[in-house]
Amino acid sequence: MEPLVKKSQDLQVCPVCKSSLVYLVEKKQINDIEWKISLLCPNCFLLQEPIMVHRETARKLSKNARVGRENLAKVLAQMEKMNMEEEAEKMISALNKDHILPIDF
């Protein structure tokens, strides 16, 4: 049997490029305490599979992935809002300077 990898911090660092952005892409419960997981590095696209881990390590990796997705969604929403505000300001400026004509529509 393969030894269980114990530290989720070690798993989140790519062994090839040393990126700390490695994330969980798949997990499968083997028994009450063991899980087989697959990890992906978004920097060099190294796919590590299967890795045997303890249940708590799999939970931590899942939680980290969820928190990361939530943070990315918040940043995306902020960027979309900023872009819309910028586009609205440009449109208002163009309207005020008579740069938009009926032929533009």
PDB file of N, CA and C in Angstrom:
ATOM      1  N   MET A   1       0.832  -1.186   0.000  1.00  0.00           N
ATOM      2  CA  MET A   1       0.000   0.000   0.000  1.00  0.00           C
ATOM      3  C   MET A   1       0.876   1.249   0.000  1.00  0.00           C
ATOM      4  N   GLU A   2       0.456   2.247  -0.734  1.00  0.00           N
ATOM      5  CA  GLU A   2       1.216   3.493  -0.808  1.00  0.00           C
ATOM      6  C   GLU A   2       1.103   4.259   0.510  1.00  0.00           C
ATOM      7  N   PRO A   3       2.166   4.958   0.932  1.00  0.00           N
ATOM      8  CA  PRO A   3       2.068   5.742   2.165  1.00  0.00           C
ATOM      9  C   PRO A   3       1.162   6.952   1.952  1.00  0.00           C
ATOM     10  N   LEU A   4       0.478   7.357   3.023  1.00  0.00           N
ATOM     11  CA  LEU A   4      -0.382   8.531   2.948  1.00  0.00           C
ATOM     12  C   LEU A   4       0.468   9.793   2.995  1.00  0.00           C
ATOM     13  N   VAL A   5       0.201  10.714   2.088  1.00  0.00           N
ATOM     14  CA  VAL A   5       0.859  12.013   2.129  1.00  0.00           C
ATOM     15  C   VAL A   5       0.131  12.813   3.196  1.00  0.00           C
ATOM     16  N   LYS A   6       0.855  13.425   4.117  1.00  0.00           N
ATOM     17  CA  LYS A   6       0.220  14.010   5.285  1.00  0.00           C
ATOM     18  C   LYS A   6      -0.028  15.518   5.202  1.00  0.00           C
ATOM     19  N   LYS A   7       0.803  16.284   4.540  1.00  0.00           N
ATOM     20  CA  LYS A   7       0.688  17.736   4.595  1.00  0.00           C
ATOM     21  C   LYS A   7       0.080  18.305   3.315  1.00  0.00           C
ATOM     22  N   SER A   8      -1.050  19.000   3.466  1.00  0.00           N
ATOM     23  CA  SER A   8      -1.686  19.593   2.294  1.00  0.00           C
ATOM     24  C   SER A   8      -0.825  20.712   1.715  1.00  0.00           C
ATOM     25  N   GLN A   9      -0.010  21.382   2.562  1.00  0.00           N
ATOM     26  CA  GLN A   9       0.868  22.444   2.072  1.00  0.00           C
ATOM     27  C   GLN A   9       1.879  21.894   1.070  1.00  0.00           C
ATOM     28  N   ASP A  10       2.407  20.705   1.343  1.00  0.00           N
ATOM     29  CA  ASP A  10       3.372  20.081   0.438  1.00  0.00           C
ATOM     30  C   ASP A  10       2.723  19.746  -0.904  1.00  0.00           C
ATOM     31  N   LEU A  11       1.462  19.355  -0.866  1.00  0.00           N
ATOM     32  CA  LEU A  11       0.759  18.979  -2.082  1.00  0.00           C
ATOM     33  C   LEU A  11       0.425  20.178  -2.959  1.00  0.00           C
ATOM     34  N   GLN A  12       0.342  21.355  -2.368  1.00  0.00           N
ATOM     35  CA  GLN A  12      -0.042  22.539  -3.126  1.00  0.00           C
ATOM     36  C   GLN A  12       1.144  23.229  -3.793  1.00  0.00           C
ATOM     37  N   VAL A  13       2.317  22.618  -3.720  1.00  0.00           N
ATOM     38  CA  VAL A  13       3.503  23.135  -4.408  1.00  0.00           C
ATOM     39  C   VAL A  13       3.899  22.131  -5.480  1.00  0.00           C
ATOM     40  N   CYS A  14       4.020  22.621  -6.703  1.00  0.00           N
ATOM     41  CA  CYS A  14       4.364  21.756  -7.826  1.00  0.00           C
ATOM     42  C   CYS A  14       5.797  21.243  -7.676  1.00  0.00           C
ATOM     43  N   PRO A  15       6.008  19.932  -7.815  1.00  0.00           N
ATOM     44  CA  PRO A  15       7.360  19.389  -7.702  1.00  0.00           C
ATOM     45  C   PRO A  15       8.257  19.749  -8.890  1.00  0.00           C
ATOM     46  N   VAL A  16       7.664  20.189  -9.998  1.00  0.00           N
ATOM     47  CA  VAL A  16       8.448  20.518 -11.187  1.00  0.00           C
ATOM     48  C   VAL A  16       8.802  22.002 -11.234  1.00  0.00           C
ATOM     49  N   CYS A  17       7.773  22.866 -11.215  1.00  0.00           N
ATOM     50  CA  CYS A  17       8.024  24.307 -11.393  1.00  0.00           C
ATOM     51  C   CYS A  17       7.979  25.100 -10.092  1.00  0.00           C
ATOM     52  N   LYS A  18       7.630  24.442  -8.993  1.00  0.00           N
ATOM     53  CA  LYS A  18       7.562  25.037  -7.651  1.00  0.00           C
ATOM     54  C   LYS A  18       6.446  26.065  -7.483  1.00  0.00           C
ATOM     55  N   SER A  19       5.480  26.083  -8.391  1.00  0.00           N
ATOM     56  CA  SER A  19       4.322  26.966  -8.252  1.00  0.00           C
ATOM     57  C   SER A  19       3.525  26.547  -7.023  1.00  0.00           C
ATOM     58  N   SER A  20       2.990  27.525  -6.309  1.00  0.00           N
ATOM     59  CA  SER A  20       2.186  27.223  -5.118  1.00  0.00           C
ATOM     60  C   SER A  20       0.686  27.249  -5.440  1.00  0.00           C
ATOM     61  N   LEU A  21       0.339  27.130  -6.706  1.00  0.00           N
ATOM     62  CA  LEU A  21      -1.050  27.216  -7.133  1.00  0.00           C
ATOM     63  C   LEU A  21      -1.660  25.869  -7.505  1.00  0.00           C
ATOM     64  N   VAL A  22      -1.024  24.779  -7.136  1.00  0.00           N
ATOM     65  CA  VAL A  22      -1.528  23.444  -7.455  1.00  0.00           C
ATOM     66  C   VAL A  22      -2.887  23.253  -6.782  1.00  0.00           C
ATOM     67  N   TYR A  23      -3.831  22.671  -7.516  1.00  0.00           N
ATOM     68  CA  TYR A  23      -5.170  22.500  -6.947  1.00  0.00           C
ATOM     69  C   TYR A  23      -5.736  21.114  -7.236  1.00  0.00           C
ATOM     70  N   LEU A  24      -6.712  20.759  -6.423  1.00  0.00           N
ATOM     71  CA  LEU A  24      -7.384  19.473  -6.493  1.00  0.00           C
ATOM     72  C   LEU A  24      -8.338  19.448  -7.679  1.00  0.00           C
ATOM     73  N   VAL A  25      -8.232  18.422  -8.529  1.00  0.00           N
ATOM     74  CA  VAL A  25      -9.152  18.303  -9.662  1.00  0.00           C
ATOM     75  C   VAL A  25     -10.092  17.108  -9.524  1.00  0.00           C
ATOM     76  N   GLU A  26      -9.699  16.128  -8.716  1.00  0.00           N
ATOM     77  CA  GLU A  26     -10.544  14.950  -8.539  1.00  0.00           C
ATOM     78  C   GLU A  26     -10.193  14.267  -7.231  1.00  0.00           C
ATOM     79  N   LYS A  27     -11.216  13.717  -6.580  1.00  0.00           N
ATOM     80  CA  LYS A  27     -10.954  12.925  -5.373  1.00  0.00           C
ATOM     81  C   LYS A  27     -11.932  11.766  -5.319  1.00  0.00           C
ATOM     82  N   LYS A  28     -11.456  10.652  -4.757  1.00  0.00           N
ATOM     83  CA  LYS A  28     -12.276   9.452  -4.655  1.00  0.00           C
ATOM     84  C   LYS A  28     -11.976   8.781  -3.319  1.00  0.00           C
ATOM     85  N   GLN A  29     -13.027   8.522  -2.568  1.00  0.00           N
ATOM     86  CA  GLN A  29     -12.862   7.890  -1.272  1.00  0.00           C
ATOM     87  C   GLN A  29     -12.547   6.413  -1.449  1.00  0.00           C
ATOM     88  N   ILE A  30     -11.498   5.951  -0.777  1.00  0.00           N
ATOM     89  CA  ILE A  30     -11.084   4.555  -0.837  1.00  0.00           C
ATOM     90  C   ILE A  30     -11.674   3.783   0.346  1.00  0.00           C
ATOM     91  N   ASN A  31     -11.550   4.349   1.537  1.00  0.00           N
ATOM     92  CA  ASN A  31     -12.135   3.763   2.752  1.00  0.00           C
ATOM     93  C   ASN A  31     -12.414   4.905   3.729  1.00  0.00           C
ATOM     94  N   ASP A  32     -12.579   4.590   4.996  1.00  0.00           N
ATOM     95  CA  ASP A  32     -12.937   5.623   5.980  1.00  0.00           C
ATOM     96  C   ASP A  32     -11.887   6.711   6.152  1.00  0.00           C
ATOM     97  N   ILE A  33     -10.629   6.394   5.917  1.00  0.00           N
ATOM     98  CA  ILE A  33      -9.588   7.395   6.168  1.00  0.00           C
ATOM     99  C   ILE A  33      -8.736   7.739   4.947  1.00  0.00           C
ATOM    100  N   GLU A  34      -8.843   6.995   3.870  1.00  0.00           N
ATOM    101  CA  GLU A  34      -7.988   7.218   2.706  1.00  0.00           C
ATOM    102  C   GLU A  34      -8.780   7.719   1.502  1.00  0.00           C
ATOM    103  N   TRP A  35      -8.152   8.634   0.783  1.00  0.00           N
ATOM    104  CA  TRP A  35      -8.711   9.159  -0.461  1.00  0.00           C
ATOM    105  C   TRP A  35      -7.634   9.116  -1.524  1.00  0.00           C
ATOM    106  N   LYS A  36      -8.036   8.869  -2.777  1.00  0.00           N
ATOM    107  CA  LYS A  36      -7.143   9.018  -3.925  1.00  0.00           C
ATOM    108  C   LYS A  36      -7.506  10.346  -4.561  1.00  0.00           C
ATOM    109  N   ILE A  37      -6.486  11.172  -4.795  1.00  0.00           N
ATOM    110  CA  ILE A  37      -6.738  12.485  -5.377  1.00  0.00           C
ATOM    111  C   ILE A  37      -5.869  12.695  -6.611  1.00  0.00           C
ATOM    112  N   SER A  38      -6.295  13.648  -7.431  1.00  0.00           N
ATOM    113  CA  SER A  38      -5.506  14.102  -8.577  1.00  0.00           C
ATOM    114  C   SER A  38      -5.315  15.599  -8.413  1.00  0.00           C
ATOM    115  N   LEU A  39      -4.108  16.052  -8.685  1.00  0.00           N
ATOM    116  CA  LEU A  39      -3.768  17.466  -8.556  1.00  0.00           C
ATOM    117  C   LEU A  39      -3.250  17.994  -9.884  1.00  0.00           C
ATOM    118  N   LEU A  40      -3.516  19.273 -10.156  1.00  0.00           N
ATOM    119  CA  LEU A  40      -3.062  19.902 -11.394  1.00  0.00           C
ATOM    120  C   LEU A  40      -2.336  21.203 -11.085  1.00  0.00           C
ATOM    121  N   CYS A  41      -1.206  21.397 -11.743  1.00  0.00           N
ATOM    122  CA  CYS A  41      -0.479  22.665 -11.650  1.00  0.00           C
ATOM    123  C   CYS A  41      -0.902  23.537 -12.834  1.00  0.00           C
ATOM    124  N   PRO A  42      -1.475  24.715 -12.579  1.00  0.00           N
ATOM    125  CA  PRO A  42      -1.904  25.577 -13.678  1.00  0.00           C
ATOM    126  C   PRO A  42      -0.746  26.280 -14.382  1.00  0.00           C
ATOM    127  N   ASN A  43       0.425  26.194 -13.790  1.00  0.00           N
ATOM    128  CA  ASN A  43       1.594  26.854 -14.370  1.00  0.00           C
ATOM    129  C   ASN A  43       2.263  25.985 -15.438  1.00  0.00           C
ATOM    130  N   CYS A  44       2.565  24.737 -15.100  1.00  0.00           N
ATOM    131  CA  CYS A  44       3.250  23.843 -16.049  1.00  0.00           C
ATOM    132  C   CYS A  44       2.350  22.696 -16.512  1.00  0.00           C
ATOM    133  N   PHE A  45       1.115  22.663 -16.021  1.00  0.00           N
ATOM    134  CA  PHE A  45       0.107  21.665 -16.387  1.00  0.00           C
ATOM    135  C   PHE A  45       0.488  20.235 -16.000  1.00  0.00           C
ATOM    136  N   LEU A  46       1.303  20.098 -14.972  1.00  0.00           N
ATOM    137  CA  LEU A  46       1.631  18.770 -14.453  1.00  0.00           C
ATOM    138  C   LEU A  46       0.404  18.198 -13.752  1.00  0.00           C
ATOM    139  N   LEU A  47      -0.018  17.007 -14.157  1.00  0.00           N
ATOM    140  CA  LEU A  47      -1.122  16.307 -13.512  1.00  0.00           C
ATOM    141  C   LEU A  47      -0.531  15.204 -12.656  1.00  0.00           C
ATOM    142  N   GLN A  48      -0.768  15.290 -11.359  1.00  0.00           N
ATOM    143  CA  GLN A  48      -0.276  14.279 -10.429  1.00  0.00           C
ATOM    144  C   GLN A  48      -1.451  13.393 -10.027  1.00  0.00           C
ATOM    145  N   GLU A  49      -1.351  12.112 -10.361  1.00  0.00           N
ATOM    146  CA  GLU A  49      -2.419  11.179  -9.999  1.00  0.00           C
ATOM    147  C   GLU A  49      -1.898   9.763  -9.957  1.00  0.00           C
ATOM    148  N   PRO A  50      -2.498   8.851  -9.269  1.00  0.00           N
ATOM    149  CA  PRO A  50      -3.273   9.120  -8.066  1.00  0.00           C
ATOM    150  C   PRO A  50      -2.345   9.321  -6.884  1.00  0.00           C
ATOM    151  N   ILE A  51      -2.783  10.113  -5.949  1.00  0.00           N
ATOM    152  CA  ILE A  51      -2.031  10.348  -4.713  1.00  0.00           C
ATOM    153  C   ILE A  51      -2.927   9.907  -3.570  1.00  0.00           C
ATOM    154  N   MET A  52      -2.410   9.087  -2.682  1.00  0.00           N
ATOM    155  CA  MET A  52      -3.173   8.641  -1.517  1.00  0.00           C
ATOM    156  C   MET A  52      -2.979   9.650  -0.394  1.00  0.00           C
ATOM    157  N   VAL A  53      -4.096  10.117   0.158  1.00  0.00           N
ATOM    158  CA  VAL A  53      -4.032  11.083   1.260  1.00  0.00           C
ATOM    159  C   VAL A  53      -5.035  10.708   2.340  1.00  0.00           C
ATOM    160  N   HIS A  54      -4.826  11.277   3.495  1.00  0.00           N
ATOM    161  CA  HIS A  54      -5.741  11.116   4.622  1.00  0.00           C
ATOM    162  C   HIS A  54      -6.992  11.949   4.363  1.00  0.00           C
ATOM    163  N   ARG A  55      -8.094  11.530   4.947  1.00  0.00           N
ATOM    164  CA  ARG A  55      -9.382  12.204   4.774  1.00  0.00           C
ATOM    165  C   ARG A  55      -9.287  13.708   5.074  1.00  0.00           C
ATOM    166  N   GLU A  56      -8.603  14.084   6.151  1.00  0.00           N
ATOM    167  CA  GLU A  56      -8.501  15.500   6.521  1.00  0.00           C
ATOM    168  C   GLU A  56      -7.714  16.298   5.486  1.00  0.00           C
ATOM    169  N   THR A  57      -6.706  15.698   4.904  1.00  0.00           N
ATOM    170  CA  THR A  57      -5.928  16.377   3.858  1.00  0.00           C
ATOM    171  C   THR A  57      -6.806  16.625   2.639  1.00  0.00           C
ATOM    172  N   ALA A  58      -7.598  15.637   2.264  1.00  0.00           N
ATOM    173  CA  ALA A  58      -8.514  15.803   1.125  1.00  0.00           C
ATOM    174  C   ALA A  58      -9.519  16.908   1.411  1.00  0.00           C
ATOM    175  N   ARG A  59     -10.018  16.966   2.639  1.00  0.00           N
ATOM    176  CA  ARG A  59     -10.965  18.031   3.013  1.00  0.00           C
ATOM    177  C   ARG A  59     -10.314  19.412   2.935  1.00  0.00           C
ATOM    178  N   LYS A  60      -9.086  19.515   3.427  1.00  0.00           N
ATOM    179  CA  LYS A  60      -8.381  20.803   3.381  1.00  0.00           C
ATOM    180  C   LYS A  60      -8.159  21.255   1.939  1.00  0.00           C
ATOM    181  N   LEU A  61      -7.758  20.315   1.082  1.00  0.00           N
ATOM    182  CA  LEU A  61      -7.531  20.660  -0.316  1.00  0.00           C
ATOM    183  C   LEU A  61      -8.832  21.086  -0.991  1.00  0.00           C
ATOM    184  N   SER A  62      -9.928  20.410  -0.679  1.00  0.00           N
ATOM    185  CA  SER A  62     -11.234  20.791  -1.232  1.00  0.00           C
ATOM    186  C   SER A  62     -11.639  22.176  -0.760  1.00  0.00           C
ATOM    187  N   LYS A  63     -11.434  22.430   0.526  1.00  0.00           N
ATOM    188  CA  LYS A  63     -11.776  23.740   1.090  1.00  0.00           C
ATOM    189  C   LYS A  63     -10.926  24.837   0.444  1.00  0.00           C
ATOM    190  N   ASN A  64      -9.630  24.585   0.291  1.00  0.00           N
ATOM    191  CA  ASN A  64      -8.744  25.570  -0.340  1.00  0.00           C
ATOM    192  C   ASN A  64      -9.181  25.865  -1.771  1.00  0.00           C
ATOM    193  N   ALA A  65      -9.585  24.819  -2.496  1.00  0.00           N
ATOM    194  CA  ALA A  65     -10.044  25.007  -3.876  1.00  0.00           C
ATOM    195  C   ALA A  65     -11.325  25.846  -3.898  1.00  0.00           C
ATOM    196  N   ARG A  66     -12.244  25.567  -2.971  1.00  0.00           N
ATOM    197  CA  ARG A  66     -13.504  26.316  -2.908  1.00  0.00           C
ATOM    198  C   ARG A  66     -13.252  27.777  -2.561  1.00  0.00           C
ATOM    199  N   VAL A  67     -12.400  28.020  -1.573  1.00  0.00           N
ATOM    200  CA  VAL A  67     -12.072  29.393  -1.180  1.00  0.00           C
ATOM    201  C   VAL A  67     -11.398  30.119  -2.337  1.00  0.00           C
ATOM    202  N   GLY A  68     -10.510  29.431  -3.042  1.00  0.00           N
ATOM    203  CA  GLY A  68      -9.842  30.041  -4.197  1.00  0.00           C
ATOM    204  C   GLY A  68     -10.825  30.416  -5.294  1.00  0.00           C
ATOM    205  N   ARG A  69     -11.791  29.528  -5.578  1.00  0.00           N
ATOM    206  CA  ARG A  69     -12.822  29.832  -6.583  1.00  0.00           C
ATOM    207  C   ARG A  69     -13.660  31.027  -6.163  1.00  0.00           C
ATOM    208  N   GLU A  70     -14.023  31.081  -4.879  1.00  0.00           N
ATOM    209  CA  GLU A  70     -14.827  32.202  -4.371  1.00  0.00           C
ATOM    210  C   GLU A  70     -14.058  33.515  -4.487  1.00  0.00           C
ATOM    211  N   ASN A  71     -12.775  33.484  -4.153  1.00  0.00           N
ATOM    212  CA  ASN A  71     -11.954  34.698  -4.263  1.00  0.00           C
ATOM    213  C   ASN A  71     -11.831  35.149  -5.713  1.00  0.00           C
ATOM    214  N   LEU A  72     -11.624  34.194  -6.617  1.00  0.00           N
ATOM    215  CA  LEU A  72     -11.543  34.539  -8.041  1.00  0.00           C
ATOM    216  C   LEU A  72     -12.850  35.129  -8.544  1.00  0.00           C
ATOM    217  N   ALA A  73     -13.972  34.581  -8.089  1.00  0.00           N
ATOM    218  CA  ALA A  73     -15.278  35.098  -8.500  1.00  0.00           C
ATOM    219  C   ALA A  73     -15.470  36.531  -8.015  1.00  0.00           C
ATOM    220  N   LYS A  74     -15.033  36.820  -6.791  1.00  0.00           N
ATOM    221  CA  LYS A  74     -15.139  38.189  -6.254  1.00  0.00           C
ATOM    222  C   LYS A  74     -14.281  39.158  -7.065  1.00  0.00           C
ATOM    223  N   VAL A  75     -13.053  38.759  -7.360  1.00  0.00           N
ATOM    224  CA  VAL A  75     -12.154  39.616  -8.138  1.00  0.00           C
ATOM    225  C   VAL A  75     -12.728  39.842  -9.533  1.00  0.00           C
ATOM    226  N   LEU A  76     -13.265  38.781 -10.148  1.00  0.00           N
ATOM    227  CA  LEU A  76     -13.871  38.909 -11.469  1.00  0.00           C
ATOM    228  C   LEU A  76     -15.040  39.882 -11.441  1.00  0.00           C
ATOM    229  N   ALA A  77     -15.886  39.777 -10.430  1.00  0.00           N
ATOM    230  CA  ALA A  77     -17.033  40.680 -10.311  1.00  0.00           C
ATOM    231  C   ALA A  77     -16.565  42.131 -10.147  1.00  0.00           C
ATOM    232  N   GLN A  78     -15.522  42.341  -9.363  1.00  0.00           N
ATOM    233  CA  GLN A  78     -14.975  43.695  -9.185  1.00  0.00           C
ATOM    234  C   GLN A  78     -14.419  44.236 -10.498  1.00  0.00           C
ATOM    235  N   MET A  79     -13.705  43.391 -11.230  1.00  0.00           N
ATOM    236  CA  MET A  79     -13.128  43.823 -12.507  1.00  0.00           C
ATOM    237  C   MET A  79     -14.223  44.136 -13.521  1.00  0.00           C
ATOM    238  N   GLU A  80     -15.272  43.304 -13.565  1.00  0.00           N
ATOM    239  CA  GLU A  80     -16.387  43.559 -14.475  1.00  0.00           C
ATOM    240  C   GLU A  80     -17.057  44.890 -14.146  1.00  0.00           C
ATOM    241  N   LYS A  81     -17.243  45.163 -12.869  1.00  0.00           N
ATOM    242  CA  LYS A  81     -17.862  46.419 -12.437  1.00  0.00           C
ATOM    243  C   LYS A  81     -16.988  47.603 -12.850  1.00  0.00           C
ATOM    244  N   MET A  82     -15.683  47.491 -12.627  1.00  0.00           N
ATOM    245  CA  MET A  82     -14.765  48.569 -13.003  1.00  0.00           C
ATOM    246  C   MET A  82     -14.790  48.797 -14.512  1.00  0.00           C
ATOM    247  N   ASN A  83     -14.807  47.714 -15.285  1.00  0.00           N
ATOM    248  CA  ASN A  83     -14.843  47.838 -16.743  1.00  0.00           C
ATOM    249  C   ASN A  83     -16.129  48.498 -17.211  1.00  0.00           C
ATOM    250  N   MET A  84     -17.258  48.136 -16.611  1.00  0.00           N
ATOM    251  CA  MET A  84     -18.540  48.734 -16.986  1.00  0.00           C
ATOM    252  C   MET A  84     -18.565  50.224 -16.641  1.00  0.00           C
ATOM    253  N   GLU A  85     -18.038  50.572 -15.479  1.00  0.00           N
ATOM    254  CA  GLU A  85     -17.975  51.981 -15.084  1.00  0.00           C
ATOM    255  C   GLU A  85     -17.106  52.774 -16.053  1.00  0.00           C
ATOM    256  N   GLU A  86     -15.982  52.181 -16.445  1.00  0.00           N
ATOM    257  CA  GLU A  86     -15.076  52.840 -17.382  1.00  0.00           C
ATOM    258  C   GLU A  86     -15.750  53.035 -18.741  1.00  0.00           C
ATOM    259  N   GLU A  87     -16.442  52.010 -19.212  1.00  0.00           N
ATOM    260  CA  GLU A  87     -17.147  52.114 -20.494  1.00  0.00           C
ATOM    261  C   GLU A  87     -18.260  53.161 -20.423  1.00  0.00           C
ATOM    262  N   ALA A  88     -18.963  53.212 -19.299  1.00  0.00           N
ATOM    263  CA  ALA A  88     -20.030  54.212 -19.133  1.00  0.00           C
ATOM    264  C   ALA A  88     -19.448  55.621 -19.151  1.00  0.00           C
ATOM    265  N   GLU A  89     -18.320  55.806 -18.485  1.00  0.00           N
ATOM    266  CA  GLU A  89     -17.665  57.124 -18.475  1.00  0.00           C
ATOM    267  C   GLU A  89     -17.223  57.527 -19.876  1.00  0.00           C
ATOM    268  N   LYS A  90     -16.693  56.585 -20.627  1.00  0.00           N
ATOM    269  CA  LYS A  90     -16.284  56.882 -22.007  1.00  0.00           C
ATOM    270  C   LYS A  90     -17.491  57.263 -22.866  1.00  0.00           C
ATOM    271  N   MET A  91     -18.602  56.548 -22.674  1.00  0.00           N
ATOM    272  CA  MET A  91     -19.813  56.838 -23.434  1.00  0.00           C
ATOM    273  C   MET A  91     -20.347  58.225 -23.087  1.00  0.00           C
ATOM    274  N   ILE A  92     -20.384  58.541 -21.807  1.00  0.00           N
ATOM    275  CA  ILE A  92     -20.849  59.868 -21.368  1.00  0.00           C
ATOM    276  C   ILE A  92     -19.959  60.959 -21.935  1.00  0.00           C
ATOM    277  N   SER A  93     -18.656  60.751 -21.885  1.00  0.00           N
ATOM    278  CA  SER A  93     -17.713  61.726 -22.425  1.00  0.00           C
ATOM    279  C   SER A  93     -17.923  61.911 -23.924  1.00  0.00           C
ATOM    280  N   ALA A  94     -18.101  60.818 -24.644  1.00  0.00           N
ATOM    281  CA  ALA A  94     -18.325  60.895 -26.092  1.00  0.00           C
ATOM    282  C   ALA A  94     -19.637  61.610 -26.406  1.00  0.00           C
ATOM    283  N   LEU A  95     -20.667  61.346 -25.628  1.00  0.00           N
ATOM    284  CA  LEU A  95     -21.949  62.030 -25.821  1.00  0.00           C
ATOM    285  C   LEU A  95     -21.817  63.534 -25.560  1.00  0.00           C
ATOM    286  N   ASN A  96     -21.118  63.875 -24.488  1.00  0.00           N
ATOM    287  CA  ASN A  96     -20.934  65.299 -24.139  1.00  0.00           C
ATOM    288  C   ASN A  96     -20.127  66.048 -25.193  1.00  0.00           C
ATOM    289  N   LYS A  97     -19.261  65.356 -25.884  1.00  0.00           N
ATOM    290  CA  LYS A  97     -18.412  65.997 -26.908  1.00  0.00           C
ATOM    291  C   LYS A  97     -18.999  65.846 -28.313  1.00  0.00           C
ATOM    292  N   ASP A  98     -20.231  65.349 -28.405  1.00  0.00           N
ATOM    293  CA  ASP A  98     -20.904  65.134 -29.691  1.00  0.00           C
ATOM    294  C   ASP A  98     -20.100  64.241 -30.629  1.00  0.00           C
ATOM    295  N   HIS A  99     -19.428  63.265 -30.086  1.00  0.00           N
ATOM    296  CA  HIS A  99     -18.668  62.313 -30.897  1.00  0.00           C
ATOM    297  C   HIS A  99     -19.514  61.138 -31.356  1.00  0.00           C
ATOM    298  N   ILE A 100     -20.744  61.043 -30.849  1.00  0.00           N
ATOM    299  CA  ILE A 100     -21.629  59.947 -31.224  1.00  0.00           C
ATOM    300  C   ILE A 100     -22.767  60.541 -32.054  1.00  0.00           C
ATOM    301  N   LEU A 101     -22.904  60.017 -33.246  1.00  0.00           N
ATOM    302  CA  LEU A 101     -23.910  60.509 -34.179  1.00  0.00           C
ATOM    303  C   LEU A 101     -24.985  59.454 -34.405  1.00  0.00           C
ATOM    304  N   PRO A 102     -26.145  59.837 -34.945  1.00  0.00           N
ATOM    305  CA  PRO A 102     -27.191  58.852 -35.199  1.00  0.00           C
ATOM    306  C   PRO A 102     -26.742  57.725 -36.127  1.00  0.00           C
ATOM    307  N   ILE A 103     -25.818  58.013 -37.011  1.00  0.00           N
ATOM    308  CA  ILE A 103     -25.325  56.996 -37.948  1.00  0.00           C
ATOM    309  C   ILE A 103     -24.548  55.879 -37.216  1.00  0.00           C
ATOM    310  N   ASP A 104     -24.096  56.177 -36.004  1.00  0.00           N
ATOM    311  CA  ASP A 104     -23.355  55.174 -35.211  1.00  0.00           C
ATOM    312  C   ASP A 104     -24.252  54.055 -34.731  1.00  0.00           C
ATOM    313  N   PHE A 105     -25.579  54.235 -34.836  1.00  0.00           N
ATOM    314  CA  PHE A 105     -26.503  53.212 -34.331  1.00  0.00           C
ATOM    315  C   PHE A 105     -27.200  52.518 -35.448  1.00  0.00           C
TER     316      PHE A 105
END
